[in-house]
């Protein structure tokens, strides 16, 4: 029988991933958006777009780690769970890094809501998926 916390963790993690996908899609769209070119940047006009591409790819990697952990189901090991927790921590840290570095936590209220919901759902979901026994 599947633990109740397993099911709740699965649903919350999937919901967090779905909500986060909206943010990732927006970021990915900036990669080819000419308005995100910064001619004055010493590393080249496309440097900001490079960072958008890198953020998108790193986030896809984090989502892949979560998907593998979810696929393991109730038999996931502590090591797999730690990978999932690290992926969520890295994703959330990147998402919230704008506040202390630029003074803006999100570009608008909708984005802020997406950041809050995805971070909360992913964190709570993965926390609930923590294996009970040492494996």
Protein backbone atom coordinates (compact mmCIF):
# COMPACT_ATOMS: atom_id res chain seq x y z
CA UNK A 1 0.00 0.00 0.00
CA UNK A 2 1.29 3.46 -0.87
CA UNK A 3 1.74 5.83 2.07
CA UNK A 4 -0.58 8.81 2.16
CA UNK A 5 2.42 11.12 2.34
CA UNK A 6 3.83 9.49 -0.81
CA UNK A 7 0.70 10.33 -2.78
CA UNK A 8 0.53 13.88 -1.38
CA UNK A 9 4.24 14.39 -2.07
CA UNK A 10 3.84 13.14 -5.62
CA UNK A 11 0.89 15.43 -6.31
CA UNK A 12 2.52 18.49 -4.75
CA UNK A 13 5.79 17.90 -6.61
CA UNK A 14 3.99 17.44 -9.93
CA UNK A 15 1.94 20.58 -9.28
CA UNK A 16 5.09 22.54 -8.43
CA UNK A 17 6.76 21.31 -11.60
CA UNK A 18 3.71 22.27 -13.69
CA UNK A 19 3.57 25.77 -12.24
CA UNK A 20 7.34 26.21 -12.58
CA UNK A 21 7.09 25.22 -16.25
CA UNK A 22 5.28 28.50 -16.89
CA UNK A 23 8.24 30.45 -15.55
CA UNK A 24 10.74 28.32 -17.45
CA UNK A 25 8.78 28.82 -20.68
CA UNK A 26 8.93 32.60 -20.22
CA UNK A 27 12.66 32.47 -19.54
CA UNK A 28 13.25 30.29 -22.61
CA UNK A 29 11.36 32.78 -24.78
CA UNK A 30 13.80 35.51 -23.75
CA UNK A 31 16.70 33.59 -25.30
CA UNK A 32 15.68 34.67 -28.81
CA UNK A 33 13.97 37.94 -27.84
CA UNK A 34 16.01 40.78 -29.32
CA UNK A 35 14.82 43.15 -26.57
CA UNK A 36 16.95 41.11 -24.14
CA UNK A 37 20.15 42.05 -25.93
CA UNK A 38 22.36 44.41 -23.95
CA UNK A 39 24.74 46.23 -26.29
CA UNK A 40 26.59 47.89 -23.41
CA UNK A 41 27.57 44.65 -21.67
CA UNK A 42 31.33 44.10 -21.92
CA UNK A 43 30.90 40.37 -22.57
CA UNK A 44 28.76 41.01 -25.63
CA UNK A 45 25.24 42.03 -26.47
CA UNK A 46 23.93 38.46 -26.20
CA UNK A 47 25.37 37.82 -22.74
CA UNK A 48 22.01 38.27 -20.99
CA UNK A 49 20.43 35.84 -23.46
CA UNK A 50 23.22 33.35 -22.75
CA UNK A 51 22.27 33.46 -19.06
CA UNK A 52 18.60 32.92 -19.94
CA UNK A 53 19.57 29.85 -22.00
CA UNK A 54 21.78 28.53 -19.21
CA UNK A 55 19.04 29.03 -16.61
CA UNK A 56 16.56 27.20 -18.83
CA UNK A 57 18.86 24.22 -19.34
CA UNK A 58 19.84 23.96 -15.67
CA UNK A 59 16.16 24.03 -14.71
CA UNK A 60 15.37 21.28 -17.20
CA UNK A 61 18.12 19.23 -15.53
CA UNK A 62 16.58 19.86 -12.11
CA UNK A 63 13.18 18.80 -13.44
CA UNK A 64 14.76 15.64 -14.84
CA UNK A 65 16.23 14.84 -11.43
CA UNK A 66 12.80 15.29 -9.85
CA UNK A 67 11.16 13.12 -12.52
CA UNK A 68 13.66 10.31 -11.91
CA UNK A 69 13.04 10.54 -8.18
CA UNK A 70 9.28 10.43 -8.69
CA UNK A 71 9.65 7.45 -11.03
CA UNK A 72 11.48 5.55 -8.28
CA UNK A 73 8.27 5.67 -6.27
CA UNK A 74 8.10 4.57 -2.66
CA UNK A 75 11.31 2.57 -3.09
CA UNK A 76 13.42 5.70 -3.66
CA UNK A 77 16.64 5.67 -1.68
CA UNK A 78 17.93 8.42 0.58
CA UNK A 79 20.55 9.24 -2.05
CA UNK A 80 17.88 9.73 -4.72
CA UNK A 81 15.81 11.81 -2.31
CA UNK A 82 18.85 13.98 -1.50
CA UNK A 83 19.27 14.57 -5.24
CA UNK A 84 15.64 15.65 -5.45
CA UNK A 85 16.01 17.96 -2.44
CA UNK A 86 19.18 19.48 -3.91
CA UNK A 87 17.43 20.05 -7.26
CA UNK A 88 14.57 21.89 -5.53
CA UNK A 89 16.97 23.93 -3.38
CA UNK A 90 19.01 24.97 -6.43
CA UNK A 91 15.92 25.80 -8.46
CA UNK A 92 14.40 27.85 -5.64
CA UNK A 93 17.67 29.65 -4.90
CA UNK A 94 17.96 30.70 -8.53
CA UNK A 95 14.34 31.78 -8.66
CA UNK A 96 14.65 33.96 -5.56
CA UNK A 97 18.15 35.33 -6.20
CA UNK A 98 16.83 38.41 -7.96
CA UNK A 99 15.61 40.04 -4.75
CA UNK A 100 18.95 40.46 -3.00
CA UNK A 101 20.96 40.95 -6.20
CA UNK A 102 18.73 43.33 -8.18
CA UNK A 103 16.13 44.52 -5.69
CA UNK A 104 13.30 42.88 -7.66
CA UNK A 105 11.87 39.57 -6.46
CA UNK A 106 9.92 39.08 -9.69
CA UNK A 107 9.11 41.16 -12.77
CA UNK A 108 5.38 41.37 -11.92
CA UNK A 109 2.73 40.05 -9.53
CA UNK A 110 1.86 37.05 -11.70
CA UNK A 111 5.51 35.98 -11.77
CA UNK A 112 5.77 36.46 -8.01
CA UNK A 113 2.71 34.22 -7.52
CA UNK A 114 4.28 31.58 -9.79
CA UNK A 115 7.52 31.77 -7.80
CA UNK A 116 5.66 31.41 -4.48
CA UNK A 117 3.43 28.54 -5.58
CA UNK A 118 6.13 26.54 -7.36
CA UNK A 119 8.65 26.95 -4.54
CA UNK A 120 6.11 26.02 -1.87
CA UNK A 121 4.67 23.03 -3.74
CA UNK A 122 8.07 21.66 -4.74
CA UNK A 123 9.53 22.07 -1.26
CA UNK A 124 6.54 20.55 0.53
CA UNK A 125 6.21 17.77 -2.03
CA UNK A 126 9.82 16.65 -1.83
CA UNK A 127 9.79 16.92 1.95
CA UNK A 128 6.81 14.52 2.06
CA UNK A 129 8.64 12.10 -0.26
CA UNK A 130 11.55 11.62 2.13
CA UNK A 131 12.08 7.90 2.71
CA UNK A 132 11.09 6.75 6.19
CA UNK A 133 13.76 4.09 6.59
CA UNK A 134 17.46 4.06 5.94
CA UNK A 135 17.96 2.26 2.63
